[in-house]
Amino acid sequence: MPLTVGEVIALPAVQQGDPEVLSDRRWTETIRWVHGSDLADLSSLLQGGELVLTTGKALARHPRKYLRGLADAGALGVIVEVGTQVPALPAGVGAIAEELTLALVVLHRTVRFVEITEAVHRRIVAEQYDEVAFDRRVHETFTELSMKRASLSGIVDAAAHILAEPVVLEDLSHQAIAMSAGIPADLLDNWERRSRRSPGRTDHAEPWAVTGVGPRAQQWGRLVVPQAPADEHRAKMVLERAAAALAMHRMIEQDRTGLQHQAQSGLIDDVLRGRLTDERELSARAQALGLRRAAQYLPATVRAERPSPSSDPVAGHRRGIAFLDAVAHTVNAAGHTGLFSLRGDSEVAMILALKDSRNIDTALATLGARLREQVRRVDGAPVSVLALGPPVEQIADAVSGLAEAAHIAEVALAQGDRDRPYFRAADVRLRGLLSLLRDDRRVQQFAETELKTLLSDEPAGSPPDLTVLREYLRLAGNKAALAGRLHMSRPALYKRLSVIRDALGVDLDDGESMTSLHVALMIVDGAAASHQ
């Protein structure tokens, strides 16, 4: 730890001089160096942060002038050896030091200044060397982890081990997606609410160390030490290095499959990146890879719901391959053909050519049911959805429609509709738009601002305030129907609504306010559903 003025005075070399403290200003501040001199003017020799050792001759003659010069030069204080050869310091010198915010200590016995300087400088140099060694250890650790493509949990564990502190990785919705091994359960209690308060977001902010993960304009998470760290400087440095390793981990592609799937995925990527624009060439290559010629092509996405993200990149890669194989096998077994591309370990994008275009709805309903059953059997995912973009005549247009299909699949999972065998754009409305924009920091900030008091504070009663507000908005402000749905008396309900209105600072009967709050709740609910 850095050496403070008070710690210098406590050193045995200083204590031998029978020190008397006349001013304890700057007592806890870190010293940069110790300088010994009897010169009356040290302004040209000091750089700031020094502790001056002197026999006190200049101080005894002109105390205010001498101490003013030290203060103006940035010194922290002065240790004066009075001993038996130097007259006592003039009365009031301690008050002058306090006025000028300087530490002043008098030694009544003779000491060797060289012993004091050696003791202090040895500590300072050792501290600097320790910091260099620590920095090198941190650099080598995370460089090695990046080279080995360590998992998210491996990087988080390394940061926790170096700091000897618990470390948590959370996403932008304040969901803890990875945490160090052995983290106490009480540190995770009410995580989302407490995380929203740190650092410094409210008067009751948690004393956490926090670092964003990802480029400044595209941060996708935060690394957190969920308690006051023992060394804030080291905690910040380690979290920043770990965040860089996590960002690199996210950039590494882990979705390599068999040769055929690589070729199909590569063809789709060539179109998406503008490297292949000629439809005739695209059609020829697609047919060579197994896509049957058809009057119309369907952009489609199969997305599975994962109970928790995979922290092991190897296991995630294998799971993704099994998922892709299950989808491709089911499509081909039904007599259809397609181009398939794995997106992560829980989503397969595909261009479909159906075997029978005369009864598309029946064919898609059958395919959707078979895909759900096969994905559950092979992949183990409890829920999966088939989402479709609009049919098009050209393959390039179908590839362009994959983004819309992926969006529909994401919203379909969030909506929790388990009965539909497949989903189209008409099946998702405003929730679809909000789901598409959910990772936009501005959208998240909007939701946080609209609902800040209800999100960060403990629920005031049963049901919680958020539930009351949600049902109120769903019923378009019908308080009589709301009282019946919540099994509350009308006076109790009116009181709860009044509390919510005061907490949010808006008129709950105003149409624009209701719309704004409803959208904010849909954003929060969509983010929560995506992590279930």
Protein backbone atom coordinates (compact mmCIF):
# COMPACT_ATOMS: atom_id res chain seq x y z
CA MET A 1 0.00 0.00 0.00
CA PRO A 2 1.22 3.62 -0.51
CA LEU A 3 3.11 5.20 2.41
CA THR A 4 1.31 8.03 4.20
CA VAL A 5 2.67 10.85 6.38
CA GLY A 6 1.28 9.16 9.48
CA GLU A 7 2.95 5.88 8.58
CA VAL A 8 6.31 7.63 8.16
CA ILE A 9 6.03 9.11 11.65
CA ALA A 10 5.27 5.62 12.99
CA LEU A 11 8.53 4.18 11.58
CA PRO A 12 11.07 3.10 14.25
CA ALA A 13 13.70 5.45 12.76
CA VAL A 14 11.38 8.41 13.47
CA GLN A 15 10.08 7.17 16.80
CA GLN A 16 13.66 7.13 18.15
CA GLY A 17 13.56 10.94 18.01
CA ASP A 18 10.67 11.19 20.51
CA PRO A 19 8.32 12.90 17.98
CA GLU A 20 5.78 15.53 19.01
CA VAL A 21 2.96 16.27 16.53
CA LEU A 22 2.26 20.01 16.28
CA SER A 23 0.05 19.68 13.19
CA ASP A 24 -1.57 16.51 11.84
CA ARG A 25 -2.74 18.00 8.55
CA ARG A 26 -2.18 15.82 5.43
CA TRP A 27 -1.72 12.86 7.83
CA THR A 28 -3.34 10.25 5.59
CA GLU A 29 -1.98 11.51 2.28
CA THR A 30 0.57 9.49 0.32
CA ILE A 31 4.09 10.87 0.21
CA ARG A 32 6.09 10.82 -3.00
CA TRP A 33 9.57 11.19 -1.51
CA VAL A 34 11.54 12.38 1.55
CA HIS A 35 13.90 15.36 1.14
CA GLY A 36 16.44 16.51 3.74
CA SER A 37 17.72 20.12 3.70
CA ASP A 38 18.39 23.14 5.94
CA LEU A 39 18.01 25.66 3.12
CA ALA A 40 15.67 28.53 3.85
CA ASP A 41 14.07 28.31 0.39
CA LEU A 42 13.31 24.85 -1.07
CA SER A 43 10.82 25.96 -3.71
CA SER A 44 13.18 25.16 -6.61
CA LEU A 45 14.02 21.69 -5.24
CA LEU A 46 10.56 20.28 -4.55
CA GLN A 47 8.06 18.85 -7.04
CA GLY A 48 5.15 18.23 -4.69
CA GLY A 49 4.21 15.40 -2.35
CA GLU A 50 7.48 15.46 -0.39
CA LEU A 51 8.07 15.23 3.35
CA VAL A 52 10.93 17.56 4.37
CA LEU A 53 13.54 16.71 7.04
CA THR A 54 15.34 19.71 8.63
CA THR A 55 17.17 20.78 11.79
CA GLY A 56 14.86 23.80 12.02
CA LYS A 57 17.25 26.73 11.77
CA ALA A 58 15.36 28.44 8.94
CA LEU A 59 12.04 27.55 10.53
CA ALA A 60 13.07 29.08 13.88
CA ARG A 61 14.11 32.39 12.26
CA HIS A 62 11.17 32.95 9.90
CA PRO A 63 8.49 30.31 10.61
CA ARG A 64 5.67 31.69 8.44
CA LYS A 65 7.93 32.50 5.47
CA TYR A 66 9.57 29.07 5.65
CA LEU A 67 6.32 27.10 5.94
CA ARG A 68 4.63 29.24 3.25
CA GLY A 69 7.45 28.33 0.86
CA LEU A 70 6.95 24.60 1.56
CA ALA A 71 3.18 24.86 1.09
CA ASP A 72 3.54 26.75 -2.19
CA ALA A 73 6.01 24.10 -3.44
CA GLY A 74 3.48 21.32 -2.74
CA ALA A 75 5.19 19.68 0.23
CA LEU A 76 3.01 17.63 2.58
CA GLY A 77 4.83 18.48 5.78
CA VAL A 78 8.07 18.86 7.66
CA ILE A 79 9.91 16.89 10.37
CA VAL A 80 12.09 19.14 12.53
CA GLU A 81 14.92 17.80 14.68
CA VAL A 82 15.29 20.26 17.56
CA GLY A 83 17.55 18.17 19.79
CA THR A 84 19.88 20.09 22.14
CA GLN A 85 21.80 22.24 19.67
CA VAL A 86 18.88 24.11 18.11
CA PRO A 87 16.70 26.62 20.01
CA ALA A 88 13.10 25.67 20.62
CA LEU A 89 10.67 26.60 17.87
CA PRO A 90 8.74 29.84 18.36
CA ALA A 91 5.30 29.69 19.91
CA GLY A 92 2.41 29.33 17.51
CA VAL A 93 4.37 27.51 14.79
CA GLY A 94 1.97 24.57 14.99
CA ALA A 95 -1.00 26.88 14.35
CA ILE A 96 0.80 28.34 11.32
CA ALA A 97 1.36 24.82 9.92
CA GLU A 98 -2.29 23.95 10.41
CA GLU A 99 -3.34 27.19 8.73
CA LEU A 100 -1.14 26.37 5.73
CA THR A 101 -2.35 22.72 5.70
CA LEU A 102 1.05 21.20 6.45
CA ALA A 103 2.02 18.37 8.76
CA LEU A 104 4.54 19.47 11.40
CA VAL A 105 6.39 17.05 13.70
CA VAL A 106 9.18 17.95 16.13
CA LEU A 107 11.85 15.41 17.13
CA HIS A 108 13.21 16.11 20.62
CA ARG A 109 16.08 13.66 20.30
CA THR A 110 18.86 13.55 17.75
CA VAL A 111 18.36 11.01 14.94
CA ARG A 112 20.22 10.17 11.77
CA PHE A 113 18.24 11.58 8.85
CA VAL A 114 19.88 9.05 6.54
CA GLU A 115 18.19 6.22 8.45
CA ILE A 116 14.80 7.85 7.99
CA THR A 117 15.33 8.47 4.26
CA GLU A 118 16.60 4.93 3.70
CA ALA A 119 13.63 3.40 5.52
CA VAL A 120 11.11 5.52 3.61
CA HIS A 121 12.73 5.21 0.20
CA ARG A 122 13.10 1.47 0.64
CA ARG A 123 9.37 1.22 1.24
CA ILE A 124 8.54 3.48 -1.69
CA VAL A 125 10.80 1.63 -4.14
CA ALA A 126 9.51 -1.73 -2.93
CA GLU A 127 5.95 -0.52 -3.48
CA GLN A 128 6.76 0.65 -7.00
CA TYR A 129 8.48 -2.63 -7.80
CA ASP A 130 5.49 -4.54 -6.46
CA GLU A 131 3.16 -2.52 -8.68
CA VAL A 132 5.30 -3.26 -11.75
CA ALA A 133 5.38 -6.96 -10.89
CA PHE A 134 1.62 -6.99 -10.32
CA ASP A 135 0.97 -5.23 -13.64
CA ARG A 136 3.18 -7.75 -15.44
CA ARG A 137 1.36 -10.66 -13.81
CA VAL A 138 -2.03 -9.26 -14.85
CA HIS A 139 -0.84 -8.64 -18.41
CA GLU A 140 0.61 -12.15 -18.80
CA THR A 141 -2.44 -13.82 -17.28
CA PHE A 142 -5.03 -12.25 -19.56
CA THR A 143 -2.80 -12.44 -22.63
CA GLU A 144 -2.46 -16.18 -22.09
CA LEU A 145 -6.20 -16.57 -21.53
CA SER A 146 -6.91 -14.71 -24.78
CA MET A 147 -4.46 -16.88 -26.71
CA LYS A 148 -6.08 -20.03 -25.30
CA ARG A 149 -9.59 -18.72 -26.06
CA ALA A 150 -10.62 -19.19 -22.46
CA SER A 151 -14.31 -19.28 -21.56
CA LEU A 152 -16.20 -16.36 -20.03
CA SER A 153 -16.16 -18.03 -16.63
CA GLY A 154 -12.44 -18.75 -16.98
CA ILE A 155 -11.67 -15.06 -17.51
CA VAL A 156 -13.94 -14.02 -14.65
CA ASP A 157 -12.33 -16.61 -12.36
CA ALA A 158 -8.86 -15.34 -13.27
CA ALA A 159 -9.79 -11.77 -12.35
CA ALA A 160 -11.26 -12.95 -9.05
CA HIS A 161 -8.15 -15.01 -8.26
CA ILE A 162 -5.77 -12.10 -8.91
CA LEU A 163 -7.79 -9.69 -6.78
CA ALA A 164 -8.85 -12.21 -4.14
CA GLU A 165 -12.30 -10.65 -4.58
CA PRO A 166 -15.59 -11.99 -6.02
CA VAL A 167 -16.20 -10.91 -9.63
CA VAL A 168 -19.44 -10.97 -11.64
CA LEU A 169 -20.06 -10.41 -15.36
CA GLU A 170 -23.48 -8.95 -16.14
CA ASP A 171 -25.22 -7.87 -19.33
CA LEU A 172 -26.91 -4.54 -20.04
CA SER A 173 -30.13 -5.74 -18.44
CA HIS A 174 -28.27 -6.31 -15.16
CA GLN A 175 -28.52 -10.09 -15.42
CA ALA A 176 -25.51 -11.94 -13.95
CA ILE A 177 -24.34 -14.19 -16.80
CA ALA A 178 -21.04 -15.37 -15.29
CA MET A 179 -19.53 -15.24 -11.83
CA SER A 180 -16.37 -16.36 -10.10
CA ALA A 181 -16.31 -19.72 -8.36
CA GLY A 182 -17.32 -19.79 -4.73
CA ILE A 183 -19.02 -16.40 -4.69
CA PRO A 184 -21.14 -16.00 -1.52
CA ALA A 185 -24.85 -16.29 -2.17
CA ASP A 186 -25.67 -13.14 -0.22
CA LEU A 187 -23.68 -11.06 -2.73
CA LEU A 188 -26.13 -12.14 -5.43
CA ASP A 189 -29.31 -11.37 -3.49
CA ASN A 190 -31.49 -8.78 -5.27
CA TRP A 191 -28.73 -8.50 -7.85
CA GLU A 192 -30.67 -6.63 -10.52
CA ARG A 193 -31.99 -3.98 -8.13
CA ARG A 194 -28.62 -3.45 -6.42
CA SER A 195 -26.76 -3.36 -9.72
CA ARG A 196 -28.97 -0.57 -11.00
CA ARG A 197 -27.82 1.51 -8.04
CA SER A 198 -24.09 1.18 -8.67
CA PRO A 199 -21.92 2.99 -8.92
CA GLY A 200 -23.19 6.34 -7.70
CA ARG A 201 -26.61 6.17 -9.34
CA THR A 202 -28.52 6.88 -6.12
CA ASP A 203 -27.84 8.08 -2.62
CA HIS A 204 -27.77 4.42 -1.60
CA ALA A 205 -25.31 3.29 -4.28
CA GLU A 206 -23.39 0.09 -3.70
CA PRO A 207 -19.63 0.61 -3.13
CA TRP A 208 -18.75 -1.61 -6.06
CA ALA A 209 -15.89 -1.50 -8.54
CA VAL A 210 -17.34 -1.55 -12.06
CA THR A 211 -15.88 -1.59 -15.59
CA GLY A 212 -17.77 -1.67 -18.89
CA VAL A 213 -17.14 -4.53 -21.34
CA GLY A 214 -16.94 -3.85 -25.07
CA PRO A 215 -16.14 -0.76 -27.15
CA ARG A 216 -17.27 2.50 -25.57
CA ALA A 217 -20.13 3.03 -28.03
CA GLN A 218 -21.12 -0.67 -28.10
CA GLN A 219 -20.71 -1.93 -24.56
CA TRP A 220 -22.54 -5.20 -23.98
CA GLY A 221 -21.86 -5.83 -20.30
CA ARG A 222 -20.16 -4.85 -17.06
CA LEU A 223 -17.55 -6.52 -14.86
CA VAL A 224 -18.28 -5.99 -11.19
CA VAL A 225 -16.58 -6.54 -7.86
CA PRO A 226 -19.80 -6.61 -5.78
CA GLN A 227 -18.29 -5.17 -2.63
CA ALA A 228 -15.86 -2.45 -1.64
CA PRO A 229 -12.51 -3.70 -3.02
CA ALA A 230 -9.47 -3.77 -0.76
CA ASP A 231 -7.43 -1.87 -3.38
CA GLU A 232 -9.51 0.28 -5.74
CA HIS A 233 -6.58 1.03 -8.06
CA ARG A 234 -5.72 -2.63 -8.57
CA ALA A 235 -9.37 -3.60 -8.88
CA LYS A 236 -9.87 -1.06 -11.66
CA MET A 237 -6.76 -2.20 -13.53
CA VAL A 238 -7.62 -5.92 -13.33
CA LEU A 239 -11.24 -5.37 -14.34
CA GLU A 240 -10.13 -3.32 -17.36
CA ARG A 241 -7.71 -6.05 -18.49
CA ALA A 242 -10.33 -8.73 -17.95
CA ALA A 243 -12.90 -6.67 -19.88
CA ALA A 244 -10.49 -6.48 -22.85
CA ALA A 245 -10.06 -10.26 -22.75
CA LEU A 246 -13.85 -10.74 -22.65
CA ALA A 247 -14.32 -8.40 -25.61
CA MET A 248 -11.75 -10.37 -27.60
CA HIS A 249 -13.44 -13.63 -26.60
CA ARG A 250 -16.72 -12.37 -28.00
CA MET A 251 -15.08 -11.47 -31.30
CA ILE A 252 -13.65 -14.95 -31.85
CA GLU A 253 -15.79 -17.03 -34.16
CA GLN A 254 -16.75 -20.35 -32.68
CA ASP A 255 -19.30 -21.49 -35.25
CA ARG A 256 -17.36 -23.79 -37.58
CA THR A 257 -19.22 -26.94 -38.69
CA GLY A 258 -18.72 -29.63 -41.34
CA LEU A 259 -17.49 -28.85 -44.83
CA GLN A 260 -20.95 -28.70 -46.39
CA HIS A 261 -22.33 -26.47 -43.68
CA GLN A 262 -19.23 -24.30 -43.87
CA ALA A 263 -19.78 -23.90 -47.59
CA GLN A 264 -23.48 -23.10 -47.16
CA SER A 265 -22.75 -20.63 -44.38
CA GLY A 266 -19.97 -19.09 -46.45
CA LEU A 267 -22.33 -18.63 -49.40
CA ILE A 268 -24.86 -16.83 -47.21
CA ASP A 269 -22.12 -14.63 -45.73
CA ASP A 270 -20.84 -13.76 -49.22
CA VAL A 271 -24.28 -12.41 -50.10
CA LEU A 272 -24.72 -10.56 -46.82
CA ARG A 273 -21.32 -8.88 -47.18
CA GLY A 274 -21.85 -7.91 -50.79
CA ARG A 275 -19.16 -10.18 -52.19
CA LEU A 276 -21.67 -12.06 -54.33
CA THR A 277 -24.35 -10.04 -56.11
CA ASP A 278 -25.01 -11.94 -59.37
CA GLU A 279 -28.21 -13.98 -58.99
CA ARG A 280 -27.25 -16.50 -61.68
CA GLU A 281 -23.95 -17.31 -60.01
CA LEU A 282 -25.63 -17.42 -56.62
CA SER A 283 -28.33 -19.78 -57.91
CA ALA A 284 -25.78 -22.10 -59.48
CA ARG A 285 -23.69 -22.28 -56.30
CA ALA A 286 -26.79 -22.77 -54.13
CA GLN A 287 -28.02 -25.67 -56.30
CA ALA A 288 -24.57 -27.24 -56.16
CA LEU A 289 -24.85 -27.13 -52.37
CA GLY A 290 -28.24 -28.88 -52.37
CA LEU A 291 -30.85 -26.12 -52.63
CA ARG A 292 -33.52 -27.18 -55.11
CA ARG A 293 -34.68 -24.68 -57.72
CA ALA A 294 -38.07 -23.26 -56.71
CA ALA A 295 -40.57 -20.58 -57.71
CA GLN A 296 -40.24 -19.02 -54.27
CA TYR A 297 -37.72 -19.17 -51.44
CA LEU A 298 -38.40 -18.61 -47.77
CA PRO A 299 -35.95 -16.95 -45.36
CA ALA A 300 -36.34 -18.80 -42.06
CA THR A 301 -34.81 -19.03 -38.60
CA VAL A 302 -35.02 -21.76 -36.00
CA ARG A 303 -34.19 -20.47 -32.55
CA ALA A 304 -33.93 -22.48 -29.35
CA GLU A 305 -34.45 -21.24 -25.83
CA ARG A 306 -31.45 -21.89 -23.61
CA PRO A 307 -31.96 -22.12 -19.83
CA SER A 308 -28.49 -20.59 -19.35
CA PRO A 309 -25.65 -19.47 -21.63
CA SER A 310 -22.81 -21.94 -22.19
CA SER A 311 -19.64 -20.87 -20.38
CA ASP A 312 -17.54 -23.57 -22.08
CA PRO A 313 -16.69 -22.62 -25.70
CA VAL A 314 -15.97 -26.24 -26.69
CA ALA A 315 -19.24 -27.51 -25.24
CA GLY A 316 -21.10 -24.60 -26.84
CA HIS A 317 -19.52 -25.36 -30.21
CA ARG A 318 -20.52 -29.02 -30.05
CA ARG A 319 -24.01 -28.13 -28.97
CA GLY A 320 -24.34 -25.73 -31.87
CA ILE A 321 -23.27 -28.41 -34.36
CA ALA A 322 -25.81 -30.87 -32.93
CA PHE A 323 -28.50 -28.19 -33.16
CA LEU A 324 -27.62 -27.39 -36.78
CA ASP A 325 -27.57 -31.06 -37.75
CA ALA A 326 -30.97 -31.63 -36.14
CA VAL A 327 -32.52 -28.74 -38.09
CA ALA A 328 -30.95 -29.70 -41.42
CA HIS A 329 -31.88 -33.38 -41.02
CA THR A 330 -35.51 -32.54 -40.19
CA VAL A 331 -35.86 -30.22 -43.20
CA ASN A 332 -34.32 -32.73 -45.58
CA ALA A 333 -36.29 -35.65 -44.13
CA ALA A 334 -39.53 -33.77 -44.82
CA GLY A 335 -38.57 -33.56 -48.51
CA HIS A 336 -37.59 -29.89 -48.47
CA THR A 337 -34.16 -28.46 -49.24
CA GLY A 338 -32.26 -25.55 -47.80
CA LEU A 339 -29.07 -23.63 -47.13
CA PHE A 340 -28.17 -23.58 -43.44
CA SER A 341 -25.99 -21.30 -41.33
CA LEU A 342 -25.34 -21.57 -37.60
CA ARG A 343 -25.63 -18.27 -35.71
CA GLY A 344 -24.22 -18.77 -32.23
CA ASP A 345 -25.17 -22.04 -30.57
CA SER A 346 -28.94 -21.48 -30.41
CA GLU A 347 -29.98 -20.14 -33.82
CA VAL A 348 -29.94 -21.58 -37.34
CA ALA A 349 -30.64 -19.33 -40.32
CA MET A 350 -31.82 -21.07 -43.50
CA ILE A 351 -33.11 -20.49 -47.01
CA LEU A 352 -35.96 -22.94 -47.64
CA ALA A 353 -37.23 -24.41 -50.89
CA LEU A 354 -40.43 -26.31 -50.06
CA LYS A 355 -41.19 -29.51 -51.96
CA ASP A 356 -44.85 -28.55 -52.47
CA SER A 357 -45.78 -24.92 -53.05
CA ARG A 358 -49.50 -25.63 -53.42
CA ASN A 359 -50.25 -25.92 -49.71
CA ILE A 360 -47.57 -23.89 -47.99
CA ASP A 361 -49.37 -23.40 -44.67
CA THR A 362 -49.87 -27.14 -44.14
CA ALA A 363 -46.28 -27.91 -45.10
CA LEU A 364 -44.92 -25.24 -42.74
CA ALA A 365 -47.18 -26.34 -39.87
CA THR A 366 -45.95 -29.90 -40.21
CA LEU A 367 -42.32 -28.79 -40.52
CA GLY A 368 -42.59 -26.51 -37.49
CA ALA A 369 -44.01 -29.29 -35.31
CA ARG A 370 -41.31 -31.74 -36.43
CA LEU A 371 -38.54 -29.22 -35.85
CA ARG A 372 -39.73 -28.49 -32.32
CA GLU A 373 -39.88 -32.19 -31.49
CA GLN A 374 -36.51 -33.01 -33.07
CA VAL A 375 -34.70 -30.06 -31.48
CA ARG A 376 -36.06 -31.05 -28.07
CA ARG A 377 -34.93 -34.67 -28.58
CA VAL A 378 -31.46 -34.01 -29.98
CA ASP A 379 -30.55 -30.65 -28.50
CA GLY A 380 -32.43 -30.79 -25.21
CA ALA A 381 -33.84 -27.28 -25.63
CA PRO A 382 -37.29 -27.22 -24.00
CA VAL A 383 -38.65 -24.60 -26.41
CA SER A 384 -37.81 -23.67 -30.01
CA VAL A 385 -39.56 -21.66 -32.70
CA LEU A 386 -39.63 -21.55 -36.49
CA ALA A 387 -39.86 -17.99 -37.84
CA LEU A 388 -40.35 -17.02 -41.47
CA GLY A 389 -39.71 -13.94 -43.53
CA PRO A 390 -41.82 -13.14 -46.60
CA PRO A 391 -41.43 -15.51 -49.60
CA VAL A 392 -39.35 -14.12 -52.49
CA GLU A 393 -38.41 -15.22 -55.96
CA GLN A 394 -34.66 -14.70 -55.76
CA ILE A 395 -32.17 -16.32 -53.40
CA ALA A 396 -30.37 -13.03 -52.75
CA ASP A 397 -33.61 -11.46 -51.53
CA ALA A 398 -34.19 -14.49 -49.30
CA VAL A 399 -30.75 -14.03 -47.75
CA SER A 400 -31.57 -10.38 -47.10
CA GLY A 401 -34.77 -11.49 -45.37
CA LEU A 402 -32.89 -13.57 -42.80
CA ALA A 403 -32.52 -10.57 -40.49
CA GLU A 404 -36.30 -10.16 -40.34
CA ALA A 405 -36.76 -13.89 -39.70
CA ALA A 406 -34.23 -13.78 -36.87
CA HIS A 407 -36.04 -10.82 -35.35
CA ILE A 408 -39.37 -12.61 -35.52
CA ALA A 409 -37.85 -15.70 -33.88
CA GLU A 410 -36.42 -13.64 -31.05
CA VAL A 411 -39.76 -11.96 -30.38
CA ALA A 412 -41.65 -15.24 -30.65
CA LEU A 413 -39.52 -16.76 -27.89
CA ALA A 414 -40.01 -13.69 -25.72
CA GLN A 415 -43.78 -13.78 -26.20
CA GLY A 416 -43.94 -17.33 -24.86
CA ASP A 417 -46.56 -18.56 -27.38
CA ARG A 418 -46.00 -22.34 -27.40
CA ASP A 419 -48.96 -23.29 -29.62
CA ARG A 420 -48.02 -21.84 -33.01
CA PRO A 421 -45.97 -24.20 -35.21
CA TYR A 422 -44.39 -21.21 -36.97
CA PHE A 423 -44.37 -17.42 -36.83
CA ARG A 424 -44.57 -14.66 -39.42
CA ALA A 425 -44.20 -10.89 -39.15
CA ALA A 426 -47.95 -10.50 -38.63
CA ASP A 427 -47.63 -12.49 -35.39
CA VAL A 428 -45.36 -9.90 -33.77
CA ARG A 429 -46.25 -6.23 -33.50
CA LEU A 430 -44.97 -3.52 -31.15
CA ARG A 431 -43.21 -6.12 -29.02
CA GLY A 432 -41.34 -7.10 -32.13
CA LEU A 433 -40.07 -3.59 -32.69
CA LEU A 434 -39.02 -3.23 -29.05
CA SER A 435 -37.30 -6.59 -29.09
CA LEU A 436 -35.37 -5.56 -32.18
CA LEU A 437 -34.22 -2.38 -30.42
CA ARG A 438 -33.77 -3.93 -26.97
CA ASP A 439 -29.93 -3.88 -27.03
CA ASP A 440 -29.83 -0.24 -28.08
CA ARG A 441 -28.45 1.68 -25.09
CA ARG A 442 -30.81 4.56 -25.77
CA VAL A 443 -33.85 2.29 -25.55
CA GLN A 444 -32.60 0.75 -22.32
CA GLN A 445 -31.87 4.19 -20.90
CA PHE A 446 -35.41 5.27 -21.79
CA ALA A 447 -36.88 2.33 -19.85
CA GLU A 448 -34.56 2.92 -16.90
CA THR A 449 -35.49 6.61 -16.78
CA GLU A 450 -39.24 6.02 -17.03
CA LEU A 451 -39.34 3.34 -14.32
CA LYS A 452 -36.24 4.17 -12.26
CA THR A 453 -37.93 4.40 -8.87
CA LEU A 454 -39.97 1.21 -9.30
CA LEU A 455 -36.96 -0.74 -10.60
CA SER A 456 -34.46 0.30 -7.94
CA ASP A 457 -36.62 0.27 -4.81
CA GLU A 458 -38.05 -2.68 -2.94
CA PRO A 459 -41.72 -3.45 -3.70
CA ALA A 460 -43.98 -1.49 -1.37
CA GLY A 461 -46.62 -4.17 -1.02
CA SER A 462 -48.29 -7.24 -2.47
CA PRO A 463 -48.71 -7.33 -5.41
CA PRO A 464 -45.55 -5.30 -6.26
CA ASP A 465 -45.91 -1.81 -7.71
CA LEU A 466 -44.63 -2.95 -11.11
CA THR A 467 -47.35 -5.61 -11.28
CA VAL A 468 -50.04 -3.10 -10.35
CA LEU A 469 -48.78 -0.67 -12.99
CA ARG A 470 -48.49 -3.40 -15.63
CA GLU A 471 -52.06 -4.60 -15.13
CA TYR A 472 -53.33 -1.01 -14.97
CA LEU A 473 -51.84 -0.28 -18.38
CA ARG A 474 -53.01 -3.57 -19.87
CA LEU A 475 -56.58 -2.65 -18.88
CA ALA A 476 -56.16 0.84 -20.39
CA GLY A 477 -56.65 2.50 -17.01
CA ASN A 478 -59.91 0.71 -16.10
CA LYS A 479 -59.63 0.87 -12.30
CA ALA A 480 -62.77 -1.13 -11.58
CA ALA A 481 -61.56 -4.04 -13.72
CA LEU A 482 -58.10 -3.71 -12.19
CA ALA A 483 -59.41 -3.98 -8.64
CA GLY A 484 -61.22 -7.17 -9.58
CA ARG A 485 -58.21 -8.68 -11.33
CA LEU A 486 -55.88 -7.92 -8.40
CA HIS A 487 -58.49 -8.84 -5.78
CA MET A 488 -58.08 -5.46 -4.09
CA SER A 489 -60.59 -3.04 -2.69
CA ARG A 490 -61.00 0.15 -4.68
CA PRO A 491 -59.77 2.45 -1.85
CA ALA A 492 -56.64 0.28 -1.44
CA LEU A 493 -56.09 0.28 -5.20
CA TYR A 494 -56.51 4.05 -5.48
CA LYS A 495 -53.95 4.50 -2.69
CA ARG A 496 -51.45 2.21 -4.45
CA LEU A 497 -51.92 4.06 -7.74
CA SER A 498 -51.39 7.35 -5.94
CA VAL A 499 -48.11 6.05 -4.49
CA ILE A 500 -46.98 4.87 -7.93
CA ARG A 501 -47.97 8.19 -9.49
CA ASP A 502 -45.98 10.14 -6.91
CA ALA A 503 -42.96 7.85 -7.25
CA LEU A 504 -42.88 8.21 -11.04
CA GLY A 505 -43.85 11.85 -11.09
CA VAL A 506 -46.35 11.47 -13.94
CA ASP A 507 -50.11 11.58 -14.42
CA LEU A 508 -51.28 7.97 -14.78
CA ASP A 509 -54.51 9.13 -16.45
CA ASP A 510 -52.68 11.01 -19.21
CA GLY A 511 -52.72 9.10 -22.50
CA GLU A 512 -49.16 9.96 -23.50
CA SER A 513 -47.85 9.04 -20.05
CA MET A 514 -49.66 5.70 -20.17
CA THR A 515 -48.20 4.95 -23.58
CA SER A 516 -44.69 5.88 -22.49
CA LEU A 517 -44.89 3.75 -19.33
CA HIS A 518 -46.39 0.82 -21.24
CA VAL A 519 -43.55 0.88 -23.76
CA ALA A 520 -40.96 1.08 -20.95
CA LEU A 521 -42.54 -1.93 -19.22
CA MET A 522 -42.53 -3.90 -22.47
CA ILE A 523 -38.80 -3.17 -22.83
CA VAL A 524 -38.08 -4.35 -19.28
CA ASP A 525 -40.30 -7.43 -19.60
CA GLY A 526 -38.75 -8.34 -22.94
CA ALA A 527 -35.24 -8.12 -21.51
CA ALA A 528 -36.22 -10.25 -18.52
CA ALA A 529 -37.90 -12.87 -20.70
CA SER A 530 -34.82 -13.23 -22.89
CA HIS A 531 -32.80 -14.31 -19.82
CA GLN A 532 -35.26 -16.85 -18.46
